[in-house]
Every structure is written in structure tokens, then in C-alpha cells.
Amino acid sequence: MTARSTRTGAQTDAEDLDVEEVLALVNDRRDSGRTTGGTPGRASGEQVAPPTATAGSAAPGKPDAHHRATPWPEARALAARAARLGSRAAHRAPAPVPLDAALGLTLAAPLTALTDLPSFDTSAMDGWAVAGPGPWDVRDEGVLAGHAEPQPLSDGEAVRIATGARIPPDTTAVLRSEHGRTDSQGRLHPTREPQHGQDIRPRGQECRSGDQLLPVGTLVTPAALGLAAAAGYDTVTAVPRPRVEVLVLGDELLTEGLPREGLIRDALGPMLPPWLRALGAEVIAVRRLGDDAEALHKAITTSGADLVVTTGGTASGPVDHVHPTLRRIGAELLVNGVKVRPGHPMLLARVKENQHLVGLPGNPLAAVSGLLTLAEPLLRTLAARPAPEPYMLPLRDEVHGHPYDTRLIPVVLRGDSAVPLHYNGPAMLRGIAAADALAVVPPGGARAGQELELLDLPWTSAGIGVCFT
């Protein structure tokens, strides 16, 4: 399998950067390390759609000229570009974040060592601190971690010591517990002669005060949190999470129990908030509005979120109120339909200079398609996260495609191939619930053995994106 790229950040001494500058550093670092191009035309946040690729335009001469929608790669690029412009307009400033809340954020200031690590000579093993050649007389008291500096040792003297404890002055080496024995007089003899300095971690072995430990643009992982704590940090300066509000539309939706009397269970209300959190967002509210145009108007115009996500109502039916509401409030429609299946009637609008709306179709798998097509690049860019490197795997089985549109289908990864899953219709979740990724199927379909680009699901990439709380 093609390895995913490691994603760190760009080195800088800057301490006062805005979100757009952090993102630029992240992308510069990625671009400088890239050796091969990804899938041509893949809009992962680096590409900018050409000026002619605007919402509602149709490529001349195409068989689907009536299909006035944005091509899938360009829609993703437009979402990332909209987020960059939104970040600039909002002047989103990095902020100090407590360590227990920083997982998954992007560093906006370098993590610089506040002290030497270790800050004093420490024992790397349980055993004895010894001075000079053996055998040694052993002191009665031992040296434990967390205690004050012990008394110096004299040649021929040893003291019991625990891992992490301060090394007594004039210590020659640490003799491991398994490499020493005491005789009947209590004298310590080595079963293996220690080398000078053995099993002593000298002060500053890992870093010196002032060393840069992690650069701007680093994604905060559990290991980064541990390093920050070890270096003496209580907070890190990071890009804040984008704030998202979810508006669930539809009178036919039930919140509990079995479907009945033409009503169905709402699958998107339970699914979208944790998925959005896994994409790095802070979900500030989930509102159920039904098919109520006035309630939708009020919810959008009073929202303080960076991104409003609606479910359903994006087509042109009698109770599809999203388009009329956006026209009513003067929103700028950036993407009005995408050439992708499922999920064609998705949309992206700029509601305010610093606020966007992603309209997802009501069918569950179509909503997932919209989430990964429009919401993911927008949220990733707002959070200054690095764009994932595209990777490809061959299909095990043939996949039928749409004549003119991209198709996203759930797959599982088995060895070095992607296995398409059944139950991949727009209203189905059975396939995506078992999937590792979505395969990007070009117009016309793909044959068995053909390599396709894959979109990882956030909880299958073994990263820090799984942040459901």
C-alpha cells in the first residue's frame, strides 16, 4: 500500500501569526517535500479552481451540457479557497489552549524547550549508582525519583537508585540490578563491568533550553502533548477549532423508535456531529427544524458559527427551503450542485464574509459525499490542517460508473487492493458503516485492477482525527 505522508509543519521563529499564515506555512512545507504529483486535478486544498469554473457553469460541448454543476475536483478546491478567504475576513487569531483541549489542533507558535531535558542527570535503570571500580560498599539509604539531590559518592561507594532518580555527584555509572550481586558482607560485585557513564541520562541529552522542539504547523498528536508537558508547557498556541452548527431539516424524521406511518428515523442527526468533530470542528449546536422556512431563515441569520451545515432541502421540491432562504438573505452561491454521485444536489454558499453554509442532501450516503466533498476541505483549511497526500490502490472488482459524473463508493482495504462494498445507494449507510475509505470512480466506471484515488475516513487513518468528544 502506498504510504501516507507524515505531516508536521514549517519551521519558523514567528510567534504572532494569523490562521492564513499558519496554513501557508503548512502548505509550503508539504510542497517543498513533495517528490511526485498526486492524482491529476485532485482538489485537496492546494489547487485553486480556475476563474471559469464557477458554480452553475457547464463545460461547452459536454454530453451533459444540461447538467449545470461544478466538477468534483473543482468543488473541493472552491471549498478550500472559500475557507482561506473566510479566515482572512474573520481575522481568526490563534490562542493559548490547555493541553487537555489541544489534541488535533495545529500549532501556531513553535514549541520551544523551556528547560533542559532531562533537567538534571538521571538514572536510566533501576540498580546502583557506583563510583570508581568495584566492589563497592553500599549505603543504607537509597535514591528515589522525585527527591532532592543526594549526597556525593566516594570511590568504592554505591547506593541503590531508581529509574528517573537524580544521579549523586561523582557517580561513575549505573550498574543495573541484573548485573550486580552482594556478598555476605553486603559488598556489591558486578557480574558485568559497567562502562563509564553507562545508563546515565545526562542533563540536556534530549534538548537544551531554547531549542525548537516542534515547528509552526505541527498537528498536535498525543505524543506532541506529552512532549509539551515534559518541556514544561501548560498551554500551547494553536489555531482554534472551526465552530459548526448543524440544522436537521425534514418533517418526516423521527428521533427514536421504529419507522412508522411514513416517518423515518433521522440518521444524519446522530452521524454528523461526531463526524464533524473527527474532521476537527467544534459542534456548537444541533437543531431540528423540520420543513419550516421561517425557522430556517432565523437559524441561519442568527448563527454565530463559522460553518452552518444543513441536511436535506437542497433540491427544488415544494418543501426544499434552502435555496429560497439563501436568495432571501443575499448569500453568495459558490457551488450549486456537484458532478458527483451520490450527492449531486449539494451546495456551498457564503452567508457572510466570515461564514459559510454547506447544504447536504437528505439521503444519508449522499450527505456523506457532500461532507467529504465540501465540508472536509473547508474545515481543514479553517483549522490550518495539512491537506492529506492523495494515494491510490487497485480495485479488486469492477465498478460501474456514471456516464459523466465522478462516483464515490465505499471500499474496504485488503492487502494491496480496495474491495468495493455493496449497499452503496444514496439512501444506504450499510456499506459506509463497514468501509475503510471511499474510492473516487471516474466517469464511465473502473475495471478490476485499475488504480483509483482513495479518501480515508477520519477514524480509519490511525491519526488524531478521531476526536469524538
Protein backbone atom coordinates (compact mmCIF):
# COMPACT_ATOMS: atom_id res chain seq x y z
CA MET A 1 0.00 0.00 0.00
CA THR A 2 1.16 3.47 -0.76
CA ALA A 3 2.34 5.00 2.49
CA ARG A 4 0.56 8.07 3.79
CA SER A 5 2.87 11.01 4.17
CA THR A 6 3.94 12.23 7.56
CA ARG A 7 2.59 15.68 8.26
CA THR A 8 4.43 18.05 10.53
CA GLY A 9 4.78 21.71 9.67
CA ALA A 10 7.03 24.52 8.54
CA GLN A 11 9.82 25.83 10.72
CA THR A 12 9.63 29.46 11.71
CA ASP A 13 10.50 31.67 14.61
CA ALA A 14 7.30 33.67 14.21
CA GLU A 15 5.27 33.99 17.39
CA ASP A 16 2.36 36.11 16.14
CA LEU A 17 0.81 34.50 13.07
CA ASP A 18 -2.77 34.50 11.89
CA VAL A 19 -4.55 31.38 10.66
CA GLU A 20 -3.92 32.13 6.99
CA GLU A 21 -0.17 32.47 7.60
CA VAL A 22 -0.07 29.19 9.53
CA LEU A 23 -1.87 27.46 6.67
CA ALA A 24 0.57 28.92 4.16
CA LEU A 25 3.49 27.56 6.17
CA VAL A 26 1.87 24.13 6.36
CA ASN A 27 1.33 24.01 2.61
CA ASP A 28 4.80 25.40 1.84
CA ARG A 29 6.36 22.63 3.90
CA ARG A 30 4.30 19.99 2.18
CA ASP A 31 5.04 21.37 -1.28
CA SER A 32 8.78 21.54 -0.58
CA GLY A 33 8.82 17.89 0.41
CA ARG A 34 6.73 16.58 -2.46
CA THR A 35 8.58 14.42 -4.97
CA THR A 36 5.72 13.22 -7.13
CA GLY A 37 2.41 14.72 -8.03
CA GLY A 38 -0.86 13.28 -6.81
CA THR A 39 -3.88 12.39 -8.82
CA PRO A 40 -4.23 14.98 -11.61
CA GLY A 41 -6.90 17.50 -10.82
CA ARG A 42 -7.38 16.39 -7.22
CA ALA A 43 -8.58 19.37 -5.24
CA SER A 44 -7.18 18.76 -1.80
CA GLY A 45 -6.79 22.39 -0.84
CA GLU A 46 -3.68 23.31 -2.81
CA GLN A 47 -5.30 23.72 -6.17
CA VAL A 48 -7.40 26.76 -6.93
CA ALA A 49 -10.24 26.33 -9.38
CA PRO A 50 -9.79 28.42 -12.50
CA PRO A 51 -11.95 31.52 -12.76
CA THR A 52 -14.12 29.84 -15.39
CA ALA A 53 -15.10 27.02 -13.00
CA THR A 54 -17.86 28.87 -11.21
CA ALA A 55 -21.00 27.45 -9.71
CA GLY A 56 -23.64 26.83 -12.29
CA SER A 57 -21.28 26.78 -15.26
CA ALA A 58 -21.29 23.90 -17.71
CA ALA A 59 -18.40 22.88 -19.90
CA PRO A 60 -19.29 23.53 -23.55
CA GLY A 61 -19.64 20.54 -25.79
CA LYS A 62 -20.06 18.01 -22.99
CA PRO A 63 -22.77 15.36 -23.42
CA ASP A 64 -24.31 16.57 -20.14
CA ALA A 65 -24.40 20.27 -21.03
CA HIS A 66 -27.77 20.48 -19.24
CA HIS A 67 -26.07 19.32 -16.05
CA ARG A 68 -25.12 22.73 -14.68
CA ALA A 69 -22.98 21.64 -11.76
CA THR A 70 -19.37 22.00 -10.62
CA PRO A 71 -16.93 19.16 -11.38
CA TRP A 72 -15.97 17.26 -8.22
CA PRO A 73 -12.27 18.26 -8.05
CA GLU A 74 -13.11 21.93 -8.63
CA ALA A 75 -15.82 21.84 -5.94
CA ARG A 76 -13.27 20.69 -3.39
CA ALA A 77 -10.83 23.40 -4.47
CA LEU A 78 -13.54 26.05 -4.24
CA ALA A 79 -14.37 24.94 -0.68
CA ALA A 80 -10.73 25.23 0.40
CA ARG A 81 -10.34 28.62 -1.27
CA ALA A 82 -13.55 29.90 0.35
CA ALA A 83 -12.18 28.92 3.76
CA ARG A 84 -8.93 30.78 3.15
CA LEU A 85 -10.83 33.92 2.23
CA GLY A 86 -13.14 33.44 5.23
CA SER A 87 -10.22 33.08 7.62
CA ARG A 88 -8.70 36.28 6.29
CA ALA A 89 -12.01 38.13 6.64
CA ALA A 90 -12.62 36.88 10.17
CA HIS A 91 -9.07 37.59 11.34
CA ARG A 92 -9.19 34.26 13.15
CA ALA A 93 -6.39 34.53 15.67
CA PRO A 94 -4.50 31.65 17.28
CA ALA A 95 -4.97 31.34 21.03
CA PRO A 96 -3.44 29.59 24.06
CA VAL A 97 -5.13 26.21 24.51
CA PRO A 98 -4.77 23.94 27.59
CA LEU A 99 -3.02 20.69 26.82
CA ASP A 100 -6.11 18.61 27.57
CA ALA A 101 -8.04 20.51 24.86
CA ALA A 102 -5.32 20.76 22.20
CA LEU A 103 -5.47 17.30 20.60
CA GLY A 104 -5.91 17.63 16.85
CA LEU A 105 -5.19 21.35 16.66
CA THR A 106 -2.42 22.95 14.63
CA LEU A 107 0.44 24.73 16.37
CA ALA A 108 0.54 28.43 15.58
CA ALA A 109 3.77 29.08 17.51
CA PRO A 110 6.88 26.91 17.75
CA LEU A 111 7.16 24.61 20.75
CA THR A 112 10.45 25.76 22.26
CA ALA A 113 12.15 24.00 25.17
CA LEU A 114 11.63 25.91 28.40
CA THR A 115 14.30 23.87 30.17
CA ASP A 116 16.96 21.27 29.52
CA LEU A 117 15.57 17.77 29.08
CA PRO A 118 16.32 16.00 31.26
CA SER A 119 16.78 18.94 33.58
CA PHE A 120 19.31 17.00 35.70
CA ASP A 121 21.40 13.84 35.36
CA THR A 122 19.05 10.91 35.90
CA SER A 123 19.26 7.16 36.16
CA ALA A 124 18.03 5.25 33.11
CA MET A 125 17.66 2.00 35.05
CA ASP A 126 16.91 0.52 38.44
CA GLY A 127 20.15 -0.58 40.05
CA TRP A 128 23.05 1.05 41.89
CA ALA A 129 24.85 4.34 41.31
CA VAL A 130 28.55 3.45 41.68
CA ALA A 131 31.77 5.45 41.98
CA GLY A 132 35.08 4.06 40.79
CA PRO A 133 35.85 0.38 40.25
CA GLY A 134 34.10 -2.35 42.27
CA PRO A 135 33.48 -3.98 44.58
CA TRP A 136 31.58 -1.21 46.39
CA ASP A 137 30.30 -0.54 49.85
CA VAL A 138 26.56 0.07 49.65
CA ARG A 139 24.93 2.90 51.58
CA ASP A 140 21.93 2.04 53.69
CA GLU A 141 19.61 4.65 52.18
CA GLY A 142 18.54 4.55 48.53
CA VAL A 143 17.86 7.30 45.98
CA LEU A 144 14.31 7.59 44.66
CA ALA A 145 12.80 9.65 41.83
CA GLY A 146 11.34 12.96 42.90
CA HIS A 147 13.71 13.52 45.81
CA ALA A 148 16.31 16.22 46.31
CA GLU A 149 19.86 15.82 45.05
CA PRO A 150 21.60 13.07 47.06
CA GLN A 151 24.99 13.31 48.70
CA PRO A 152 28.09 12.77 46.53
CA LEU A 153 29.62 9.31 46.25
CA SER A 154 33.19 8.47 47.16
CA ASP A 155 35.31 5.99 45.19
CA GLY A 156 34.36 2.45 46.16
CA GLU A 157 30.86 3.52 47.25
CA ALA A 158 27.45 2.64 45.77
CA VAL A 159 23.84 3.48 46.51
CA ARG A 160 20.57 1.89 45.41
CA ILE A 161 18.87 4.05 42.77
CA ALA A 162 15.53 4.00 40.97
CA THR A 163 14.82 4.83 37.34
CA GLY A 164 14.37 8.59 36.95
CA ALA A 165 16.13 9.46 40.20
CA ARG A 166 18.80 12.18 40.37
CA ILE A 167 22.33 10.88 39.95
CA PRO A 168 24.57 11.57 43.00
CA PRO A 169 27.56 13.80 42.22
CA ASP A 170 30.77 11.93 41.32
CA THR A 171 28.87 8.85 40.09
CA THR A 172 30.83 6.82 37.53
CA ALA A 173 27.96 4.73 36.14
CA VAL A 174 24.71 3.00 36.99
CA LEU A 175 25.01 -0.75 37.49
CA ARG A 176 21.78 -2.46 36.52
CA SER A 177 20.05 -4.62 39.11
CA GLU A 178 20.55 -7.73 36.99
CA HIS A 179 24.30 -7.01 36.63
CA GLY A 180 25.20 -6.91 40.32
CA ARG A 181 25.23 -9.15 43.40
CA THR A 182 26.01 -8.60 47.06
CA ASP A 183 28.20 -10.87 49.15
CA SER A 184 27.69 -11.94 52.76
CA GLN A 185 29.35 -8.73 53.97
CA GLY A 186 26.93 -6.61 51.95
CA ARG A 187 29.51 -5.53 49.37
CA LEU A 188 28.36 -5.09 45.78
CA HIS A 189 30.12 -7.02 42.98
CA PRO A 190 29.47 -6.55 39.27
CA THR A 191 28.58 -9.58 37.16
CA ARG A 192 29.18 -7.36 34.14
CA GLU A 193 31.58 -4.42 34.35
CA PRO A 194 29.80 -1.10 33.69
CA GLN A 195 31.24 1.38 31.24
CA HIS A 196 31.86 4.96 32.33
CA GLY A 197 28.56 6.88 32.12
CA GLN A 198 26.53 3.75 31.46
CA ASP A 199 22.75 4.07 32.00
CA ILE A 200 23.01 7.72 32.98
CA ARG A 201 20.84 10.18 31.09
CA PRO A 202 22.89 13.38 31.20
CA ARG A 203 21.25 16.75 31.60
CA GLY A 204 20.23 18.17 28.22
CA GLN A 205 20.51 14.83 26.41
CA GLU A 206 17.21 15.38 24.58
CA CYS A 207 17.30 19.15 24.27
CA ARG A 208 18.70 22.35 25.72
CA SER A 209 16.61 25.26 26.90
CA GLY A 210 15.63 27.35 23.87
CA ASP A 211 15.82 24.50 21.34
CA GLN A 212 12.87 24.32 18.94
CA LEU A 213 11.07 21.04 19.59
CA LEU A 214 8.16 21.33 17.11
CA PRO A 215 7.64 23.95 14.39
CA VAL A 216 4.62 26.03 13.47
CA GLY A 217 2.10 23.94 11.54
CA THR A 218 2.61 20.74 13.52
CA LEU A 219 -0.55 18.77 14.14
CA VAL A 220 -0.93 18.21 17.89
CA THR A 221 -0.84 14.45 18.44
CA PRO A 222 -0.83 12.56 21.75
CA ALA A 223 2.97 12.37 21.51
CA ALA A 224 3.19 16.13 20.92
CA LEU A 225 1.08 16.68 24.04
CA GLY A 226 3.47 14.50 26.02
CA LEU A 227 6.47 16.40 24.71
CA ALA A 228 4.85 19.74 25.55
CA ALA A 229 4.13 18.60 29.09
CA ALA A 230 7.66 17.25 29.55
CA ALA A 231 9.02 20.58 28.33
CA GLY A 232 7.02 22.45 30.96
CA TYR A 233 4.05 23.73 28.97
CA ASP A 234 0.55 24.09 30.41
CA THR A 235 -0.87 25.53 27.17
CA VAL A 236 0.14 25.63 23.52
CA THR A 237 -0.61 28.36 20.98
CA ALA A 238 -2.84 26.80 18.35
CA VAL A 239 -5.38 27.54 15.64
CA PRO A 240 -8.88 27.31 17.18
CA ARG A 241 -11.35 24.70 16.03
CA PRO A 242 -13.85 25.91 13.44
CA ARG A 243 -17.31 26.28 15.01
CA VAL A 244 -20.08 24.37 13.27
CA GLU A 245 -23.85 24.39 13.69
CA VAL A 246 -25.95 21.54 12.25
CA LEU A 247 -29.52 22.19 11.11
CA VAL A 248 -31.53 18.99 10.55
CA LEU A 249 -34.43 19.60 8.17
CA GLY A 250 -37.46 17.45 7.38
CA ASP A 251 -40.91 16.84 8.91
CA GLU A 252 -40.62 13.12 8.20
CA LEU A 253 -37.81 12.46 10.69
CA LEU A 254 -38.15 10.55 13.96
CA THR A 255 -35.61 10.83 16.77
CA GLU A 256 -36.46 7.49 18.42
CA GLY A 257 -38.26 4.22 17.86
CA LEU A 258 -39.08 2.32 14.69
CA PRO A 259 -40.11 3.95 11.41
CA ARG A 260 -43.89 4.19 11.18
CA GLU A 261 -46.72 5.78 9.22
CA GLY A 262 -44.48 7.24 6.52
CA LEU A 263 -41.97 8.59 9.05
CA ILE A 264 -38.32 7.50 9.09
CA ARG A 265 -35.53 7.63 11.64
CA ASP A 266 -33.13 10.54 11.41
CA ALA A 267 -29.71 9.04 10.63
CA LEU A 268 -27.89 12.32 10.00
CA GLY A 269 -28.54 13.93 13.39
CA PRO A 270 -26.63 11.18 15.23
CA MET A 271 -23.99 10.76 12.49
CA LEU A 272 -22.93 14.27 11.50
CA PRO A 273 -21.81 15.81 14.84
CA PRO A 274 -19.20 13.13 15.65
CA TRP A 275 -18.08 13.04 12.03
CA LEU A 276 -17.61 16.81 12.04
CA ARG A 277 -15.66 16.57 15.30
CA ALA A 278 -13.48 13.91 13.69
CA LEU A 279 -12.78 16.48 10.97
CA GLY A 280 -11.55 18.91 13.63
CA ALA A 281 -14.67 21.01 14.20
CA GLU A 282 -16.35 22.17 17.39
CA VAL A 283 -20.05 21.40 17.02
CA ILE A 284 -21.79 24.17 18.97
CA ALA A 285 -25.40 23.16 18.27
CA VAL A 286 -27.61 20.59 16.53
CA ARG A 287 -31.08 21.95 15.78
CA ARG A 288 -34.06 20.06 14.34
CA LEU A 289 -36.17 22.48 12.31
CA GLY A 290 -38.47 20.33 10.22
CA ASP A 291 -39.67 21.81 6.93
CA ASP A 292 -40.09 25.35 8.22
CA ALA A 293 -38.81 28.17 6.00
CA GLU A 294 -39.06 30.84 8.68
CA ALA A 295 -37.29 28.69 11.26
CA LEU A 296 -34.51 28.01 8.74
CA HIS A 297 -34.18 31.72 7.96
CA LYS A 298 -33.92 32.60 11.63
CA ALA A 299 -31.44 29.81 12.39
CA ILE A 300 -29.08 30.84 9.59
CA THR A 301 -29.23 34.59 10.18
CA THR A 302 -28.68 34.27 13.94
CA SER A 303 -25.95 31.63 13.85
CA GLY A 304 -22.51 32.57 15.15
CA ALA A 305 -20.81 29.50 13.65
CA ASP A 306 -18.01 29.58 11.10
CA LEU A 307 -19.89 26.91 9.15
CA VAL A 308 -23.60 26.07 9.08
CA VAL A 309 -24.41 22.56 7.82
CA THR A 310 -27.95 21.78 6.68
CA THR A 311 -29.37 18.34 5.88
CA GLY A 312 -31.93 17.94 3.12
CA GLY A 313 -33.89 20.62 1.35
CA THR A 314 -31.24 21.31 -1.30
CA ALA A 315 -33.29 20.23 -4.33
CA SER A 316 -36.29 22.06 -5.82
CA GLY A 317 -39.25 20.33 -4.19
CA PRO A 318 -42.19 22.11 -2.56
CA VAL A 319 -40.61 21.99 0.93
CA ASP A 320 -36.99 22.41 -0.13
CA HIS A 321 -36.33 25.77 1.51
CA VAL A 322 -32.52 26.05 1.41
CA HIS A 323 -32.17 27.77 -1.98
CA PRO A 324 -35.03 30.23 -1.41
CA THR A 325 -33.67 31.10 2.02
CA LEU A 326 -30.18 31.73 0.66
CA ARG A 327 -31.61 34.00 -2.03
CA ARG A 328 -33.69 35.82 0.59
CA ILE A 329 -30.67 36.66 2.74
CA GLY A 330 -28.46 37.56 -0.23
CA ALA A 331 -25.98 34.72 0.23
CA GLU A 332 -23.38 34.11 -2.50
CA LEU A 333 -23.80 30.66 -4.01
CA LEU A 334 -20.28 29.30 -4.63
CA VAL A 335 -21.17 25.71 -5.55
CA ASN A 336 -24.67 24.83 -6.75
CA GLY A 337 -24.62 21.09 -7.37
CA VAL A 338 -21.57 18.91 -7.92
CA LYS A 339 -20.91 16.37 -10.65
CA VAL A 340 -20.66 13.50 -8.19
CA ARG A 341 -22.86 10.52 -7.33
CA PRO A 342 -24.29 10.17 -4.82
CA GLY A 343 -24.74 13.72 -3.55
CA HIS A 344 -25.24 15.77 -6.72
CA PRO A 345 -27.63 18.38 -5.15
CA MET A 346 -25.11 19.60 -2.54
CA LEU A 347 -24.21 23.26 -2.29
CA LEU A 348 -21.77 25.73 -0.76
CA ALA A 349 -22.69 29.33 -0.03
CA ARG A 350 -21.00 32.32 1.55
CA VAL A 351 -23.59 33.63 4.03
CA LYS A 352 -21.40 36.36 5.49
CA GLU A 353 -17.86 37.47 4.84
CA ASN A 354 -16.65 35.07 7.54
CA GLN A 355 -19.41 32.43 7.50
CA HIS A 356 -20.28 29.66 5.05
CA LEU A 357 -23.09 27.16 4.64
CA VAL A 358 -22.79 23.64 3.29
CA GLY A 359 -26.10 22.17 2.21
CA LEU A 360 -26.05 18.37 2.31
CA PRO A 361 -28.59 16.19 0.53
CA GLY A 362 -31.05 14.37 2.77
CA ASN A 363 -30.14 10.84 1.68
CA PRO A 364 -27.53 9.52 4.16
CA LEU A 365 -24.78 8.33 1.80
CA ALA A 366 -25.34 11.38 -0.40
CA ALA A 367 -24.85 13.51 2.72
CA VAL A 368 -21.56 11.71 3.41
CA SER A 369 -20.48 12.53 -0.13
CA GLY A 370 -21.28 16.19 0.46
CA LEU A 371 -19.48 16.15 3.78
CA LEU A 372 -16.25 14.88 2.22
CA THR A 373 -16.57 16.97 -0.93
CA LEU A 374 -17.32 20.39 0.57
CA ALA A 375 -17.21 20.39 4.39
CA GLU A 376 -13.91 18.49 4.79
CA PRO A 377 -11.69 20.80 2.70
CA LEU A 378 -13.38 23.87 4.16
CA LEU A 379 -12.96 22.75 7.78
CA ARG A 380 -9.42 21.51 7.18
CA THR A 381 -8.41 24.86 5.76
CA LEU A 382 -10.08 26.82 8.57
CA ALA A 383 -8.19 24.67 11.08
CA ALA A 384 -4.88 25.12 9.17
CA ARG A 385 -4.51 21.36 8.94
CA PRO A 386 -2.26 20.00 6.20
CA ALA A 387 -4.02 18.53 3.19
CA PRO A 388 -3.65 14.74 3.05
CA GLU A 389 -1.42 13.38 0.35
CA PRO A 390 -3.52 11.52 -2.23
CA TYR A 391 -2.90 7.81 -2.52
CA MET A 392 -4.15 5.14 -4.87
CA LEU A 393 -4.85 1.41 -4.79
CA PRO A 394 -6.06 -1.01 -7.45
CA LEU A 395 -9.66 -2.23 -7.33
CA ARG A 396 -10.25 -5.90 -6.75
CA ASP A 397 -13.54 -5.84 -8.67
CA GLU A 398 -15.05 -3.84 -11.49
CA VAL A 399 -17.15 -0.81 -10.52
CA HIS A 400 -19.88 0.70 -12.65
CA GLY A 401 -19.73 4.46 -13.00
CA HIS A 402 -21.92 7.36 -14.01
CA PRO A 403 -21.65 8.38 -17.67
CA TYR A 404 -20.43 11.92 -16.91
CA ASP A 405 -20.02 12.33 -13.14
CA THR A 406 -17.48 11.19 -10.54
CA ARG A 407 -18.79 8.44 -8.28
CA LEU A 408 -17.77 7.83 -4.64
CA ILE A 409 -18.16 4.27 -3.43
CA PRO A 410 -17.30 2.70 -0.04
CA VAL A 411 -14.44 0.19 -0.06
CA VAL A 412 -12.53 -1.94 2.42
CA LEU A 413 -8.75 -2.27 2.15
CA ARG A 414 -7.49 -5.83 1.83
CA GLY A 415 -3.75 -6.16 1.38
CA ASP A 416 -2.78 -4.04 -1.59
CA SER A 417 -6.22 -3.65 -3.09
CA ALA A 418 -9.54 -1.92 -2.46
CA VAL A 419 -12.64 -4.09 -2.36
CA PRO A 420 -15.88 -2.33 -3.38
CA LEU A 421 -18.78 -2.79 -0.99
CA HIS A 422 -22.40 -3.38 -1.81
CA TYR A 423 -25.24 -1.29 -0.37
CA ASN A 424 -23.82 1.90 -1.82
CA GLY A 425 -27.04 3.57 -2.90
CA PRO A 426 -27.71 7.21 -1.94
CA ALA A 427 -30.07 6.27 0.91
CA MET A 428 -27.89 3.45 2.30
CA LEU A 429 -25.41 3.51 5.19
CA ARG A 430 -24.72 -0.23 5.40
CA GLY A 431 -21.74 0.00 3.06
CA ILE A 432 -20.10 3.11 4.52
CA ALA A 433 -20.53 1.75 8.07
CA ALA A 434 -18.20 -1.13 7.17
CA ALA A 435 -15.85 0.89 4.95
CA ASP A 436 -12.24 1.97 5.38
CA ALA A 437 -12.35 4.59 2.62
CA LEU A 438 -14.25 5.95 -0.36
CA ALA A 439 -12.93 5.21 -3.83
CA VAL A 440 -13.10 8.03 -6.39
CA VAL A 441 -14.52 6.40 -9.52
CA PRO A 442 -14.11 8.43 -12.72
CA PRO A 443 -16.94 8.91 -15.20
CA GLY A 444 -17.62 5.68 -17.05
CA GLY A 445 -16.55 3.39 -14.21
CA ALA A 446 -13.39 1.43 -13.43
CA ARG A 447 -12.18 -2.05 -14.29
CA ALA A 448 -10.76 -4.62 -11.90
CA GLY A 449 -7.08 -3.85 -11.24
CA GLN A 450 -7.41 -0.17 -12.12
CA GLU A 451 -5.83 2.17 -9.57
CA LEU A 452 -8.19 4.70 -8.02
CA GLU A 453 -7.70 7.54 -5.59
CA LEU A 454 -8.98 6.80 -2.08
CA LEU A 455 -10.40 9.15 0.52
CA ASP A 456 -9.68 7.91 4.03
CA LEU A 457 -12.44 8.06 6.58
CA PRO A 458 -11.17 10.04 9.59
CA TRP A 459 -11.33 7.16 12.06
CA THR A 460 -9.51 4.66 9.81
CA SER A 461 -6.32 6.65 9.13
CA ALA A 462 -4.82 5.93 12.58
CA GLY A 463 -4.37 9.63 13.13
CA ILE A 464 -5.53 12.08 15.74
CA GLY A 465 -8.63 12.93 13.80
CA VAL A 466 -10.71 10.57 15.92
CA CYS A 467 -11.86 13.15 18.42
CA PHE A 468 -15.49 12.48 19.18
CA THR A 469 -15.82 14.39 22.45
